């Protein structure tokens, strides 16, 4: 039993134990902080992928609008509710049909 307690009085074991406790709980960048930052990085990477996909979609829409007159007319009708002089526009909201 005395030999068991003498291990805890060894200066190397004490130094390693102090270092482990320090790194796990006390340090500015402890394990919990690193874990939180890792999850935040993953969330930001997902947002980056989403925005990169949106940029590609917008660029393809822009190219289509610059080179296709029919696309320009469709865009103007859908986004800005524009119409030809002899047409009537009816706006139907999606919530009307839900109970």
C-alpha atoms as a PDB file:
ATOM      1  CA  UNK A   1       0.000   0.000   0.000  1.00  0.00           C
ATOM      2  CA  UNK A   2       2.833   2.338   0.799  1.00  0.00           C
ATOM      3  CA  UNK A   3       4.343   1.685  -2.634  1.00  0.00           C
ATOM      4  CA  UNK A   4       1.010   2.636  -4.254  1.00  0.00           C
ATOM      5  CA  UNK A   5       0.994   6.047  -2.555  1.00  0.00           C
ATOM      6  CA  UNK A   6       4.665   6.589  -3.279  1.00  0.00           C
ATOM      7  CA  UNK A   7       3.823   6.609  -7.003  1.00  0.00           C
ATOM      8  CA  UNK A   8       1.684   9.714  -6.445  1.00  0.00           C
ATOM      9  CA  UNK A   9       4.550  11.490  -4.720  1.00  0.00           C
ATOM     10  CA  UNK A  10       6.842  10.926  -7.681  1.00  0.00           C
ATOM     11  CA  UNK A  11       7.652  14.328  -9.189  1.00  0.00           C
ATOM     12  CA  UNK A  12       7.163  13.093 -12.760  1.00  0.00           C
ATOM     13  CA  UNK A  13       3.729  11.642 -12.064  1.00  0.00           C
ATOM     14  CA  UNK A  14       2.735  14.844 -10.294  1.00  0.00           C
ATOM     15  CA  UNK A  15       4.012  16.962 -13.172  1.00  0.00           C
ATOM     16  CA  UNK A  16       2.162  14.864 -15.765  1.00  0.00           C
ATOM     17  CA  UNK A  17      -1.036  14.906 -13.697  1.00  0.00           C
ATOM     18  CA  UNK A  18      -0.802  18.673 -13.263  1.00  0.00           C
ATOM     19  CA  UNK A  19      -0.200  19.097 -17.015  1.00  0.00           C
ATOM     20  CA  UNK A  20      -3.195  16.909 -17.911  1.00  0.00           C
ATOM     21  CA  UNK A  21      -5.509  18.753 -15.525  1.00  0.00           C
ATOM     22  CA  UNK A  22      -4.208  22.080 -16.787  1.00  0.00           C
ATOM     23  CA  UNK A  23      -4.758  21.183 -20.458  1.00  0.00           C
ATOM     24  CA  UNK A  24      -8.195  19.644 -19.880  1.00  0.00           C
ATOM     25  CA  UNK A  25      -9.802  22.275 -17.675  1.00  0.00           C
ATOM     26  CA  UNK A  26      -7.739  25.371 -16.906  1.00  0.00           C
ATOM     27  CA  UNK A  27      -5.981  26.403 -20.124  1.00  0.00           C
ATOM     28  CA  UNK A  28      -7.477  29.101 -22.353  1.00  0.00           C
ATOM     29  CA  UNK A  29      -7.789  26.562 -25.181  1.00  0.00           C
ATOM     30  CA  UNK A  30      -8.972  23.598 -23.165  1.00  0.00           C
ATOM     31  CA  UNK A  31     -10.625  20.497 -24.571  1.00  0.00           C
ATOM     32  CA  UNK A  32     -14.118  21.987 -24.431  1.00  0.00           C
ATOM     33  CA  UNK A  33     -13.033  25.118 -26.287  1.00  0.00           C
ATOM     34  CA  UNK A  34     -11.361  23.054 -29.010  1.00  0.00           C
ATOM     35  CA  UNK A  35     -14.466  20.859 -29.312  1.00  0.00           C
ATOM     36  CA  UNK A  36     -16.709  23.931 -29.631  1.00  0.00           C
ATOM     37  CA  UNK A  37     -14.423  25.492 -32.249  1.00  0.00           C
ATOM     38  CA  UNK A  38     -14.385  22.253 -34.237  1.00  0.00           C
ATOM     39  CA  UNK A  39     -18.186  22.193 -34.394  1.00  0.00           C
ATOM     40  CA  UNK A  40     -18.293  25.865 -35.312  1.00  0.00           C
ATOM     41  CA  UNK A  41     -15.800  25.223 -38.123  1.00  0.00           C
ATOM     42  CA  UNK A  42     -17.969  22.394 -39.479  1.00  0.00           C
ATOM     43  CA  UNK A  43     -21.027  24.656 -39.453  1.00  0.00           C
ATOM     44  CA  UNK A  44     -19.129  27.391 -41.275  1.00  0.00           C
ATOM     45  CA  UNK A  45     -17.886  24.917 -43.879  1.00  0.00           C
ATOM     46  CA  UNK A  46     -21.479  23.833 -44.540  1.00  0.00           C
ATOM     47  CA  UNK A  47     -22.493  27.472 -44.961  1.00  0.00           C
ATOM     48  CA  UNK A  48     -19.563  27.986 -47.327  1.00  0.00           C
ATOM     49  CA  UNK A  49     -20.677  25.057 -49.479  1.00  0.00           C
ATOM     50  CA  UNK A  50     -24.227  26.421 -49.545  1.00  0.00           C
ATOM     51  CA  UNK A  51     -23.126  29.897 -50.603  1.00  0.00           C
ATOM     52  CA  UNK A  52     -20.737  28.538 -53.234  1.00  0.00           C
ATOM     53  CA  UNK A  53     -23.633  26.557 -54.735  1.00  0.00           C
ATOM     54  CA  UNK A  54     -25.799  29.691 -54.656  1.00  0.00           C
ATOM     55  CA  UNK A  55     -23.062  31.688 -56.405  1.00  0.00           C
ATOM     56  CA  UNK A  56     -22.830  29.076 -59.165  1.00  0.00           C
ATOM     57  CA  UNK A  57     -26.611  29.143 -59.582  1.00  0.00           C
ATOM     58  CA  UNK A  58     -26.705  32.940 -59.791  1.00  0.00           C
ATOM     59  CA  UNK A  59     -23.830  32.997 -62.266  1.00  0.00           C
ATOM     60  CA  UNK A  60     -25.589  30.481 -64.511  1.00  0.00           C
ATOM     61  CA  UNK A  61     -28.804  32.519 -64.269  1.00  0.00           C
ATOM     62  CA  UNK A  62     -26.864  35.664 -65.164  1.00  0.00           C
ATOM     63  CA  UNK A  63     -25.269  34.000 -68.180  1.00  0.00           C
ATOM     64  CA  UNK A  64     -28.690  32.769 -69.259  1.00  0.00           C
ATOM     65  CA  UNK A  65     -30.207  36.253 -68.892  1.00  0.00           C
ATOM     66  CA  UNK A  66     -27.379  37.876 -70.834  1.00  0.00           C
ATOM     67  CA  UNK A  67     -27.721  35.561 -73.828  1.00  0.00           C
ATOM     68  CA  UNK A  68     -31.381  34.515 -73.947  1.00  0.00           C
ATOM     69  CA  UNK A  69     -34.167  37.077 -74.582  1.00  0.00           C
ATOM     70  CA  UNK A  70     -36.862  34.571 -73.597  1.00  0.00           C
ATOM     71  CA  UNK A  71     -35.173  34.142 -70.210  1.00  0.00           C
ATOM     72  CA  UNK A  72     -35.188  37.917 -69.717  1.00  0.00           C
ATOM     73  CA  UNK A  73     -38.933  38.024 -70.371  1.00  0.00           C
ATOM     74  CA  UNK A  74     -39.577  35.087 -68.036  1.00  0.00           C
ATOM     75  CA  UNK A  75     -37.473  36.688 -65.302  1.00  0.00           C
ATOM     76  CA  UNK A  76     -39.268  40.026 -65.629  1.00  0.00           C
ATOM     77  CA  UNK A  77     -42.682  38.360 -65.524  1.00  0.00           C
ATOM     78  CA  UNK A  78     -41.904  36.186 -62.502  1.00  0.00           C
ATOM     79  CA  UNK A  79     -39.861  38.549 -60.349  1.00  0.00           C
ATOM     80  CA  UNK A  80     -41.295  41.962 -61.188  1.00  0.00           C
ATOM     81  CA  UNK A  81     -44.830  40.963 -62.282  1.00  0.00           C
ATOM     82  CA  UNK A  82     -44.413  42.747 -65.604  1.00  0.00           C
ATOM     83  CA  UNK A  83     -46.918  42.147 -68.376  1.00  0.00           C
ATOM     84  CA  UNK A  84     -47.594  42.970 -71.962  1.00  0.00           C
ATOM     85  CA  UNK A  85     -50.093  45.792 -72.642  1.00  0.00           C
ATOM     86  CA  UNK A  86     -52.925  43.448 -73.651  1.00  0.00           C
ATOM     87  CA  UNK A  87     -52.529  40.960 -70.749  1.00  0.00           C
ATOM     88  CA  UNK A  88     -53.990  40.652 -67.271  1.00  0.00           C
ATOM     89  CA  UNK A  89     -51.923  39.297 -64.391  1.00  0.00           C
ATOM     90  CA  UNK A  90     -53.489  37.198 -61.649  1.00  0.00           C
ATOM     91  CA  UNK A  91     -51.458  36.569 -58.504  1.00  0.00           C
ATOM     92  CA  UNK A  92     -52.332  33.396 -56.603  1.00  0.00           C
ATOM     93  CA  UNK A  93     -50.751  32.907 -53.210  1.00  0.00           C
ATOM     94  CA  UNK A  94     -49.900  29.379 -52.099  1.00  0.00           C
ATOM     95  CA  UNK A  95     -51.651  29.683 -48.718  1.00  0.00           C
ATOM     96  CA  UNK A  96     -55.088  30.013 -50.321  1.00  0.00           C
ATOM     97  CA  UNK A  97     -55.350  26.303 -51.075  1.00  0.00           C
ATOM     98  CA  UNK A  98     -54.247  25.005 -47.661  1.00  0.00           C
ATOM     99  CA  UNK A  99     -56.816  24.250 -44.957  1.00  0.00           C
END
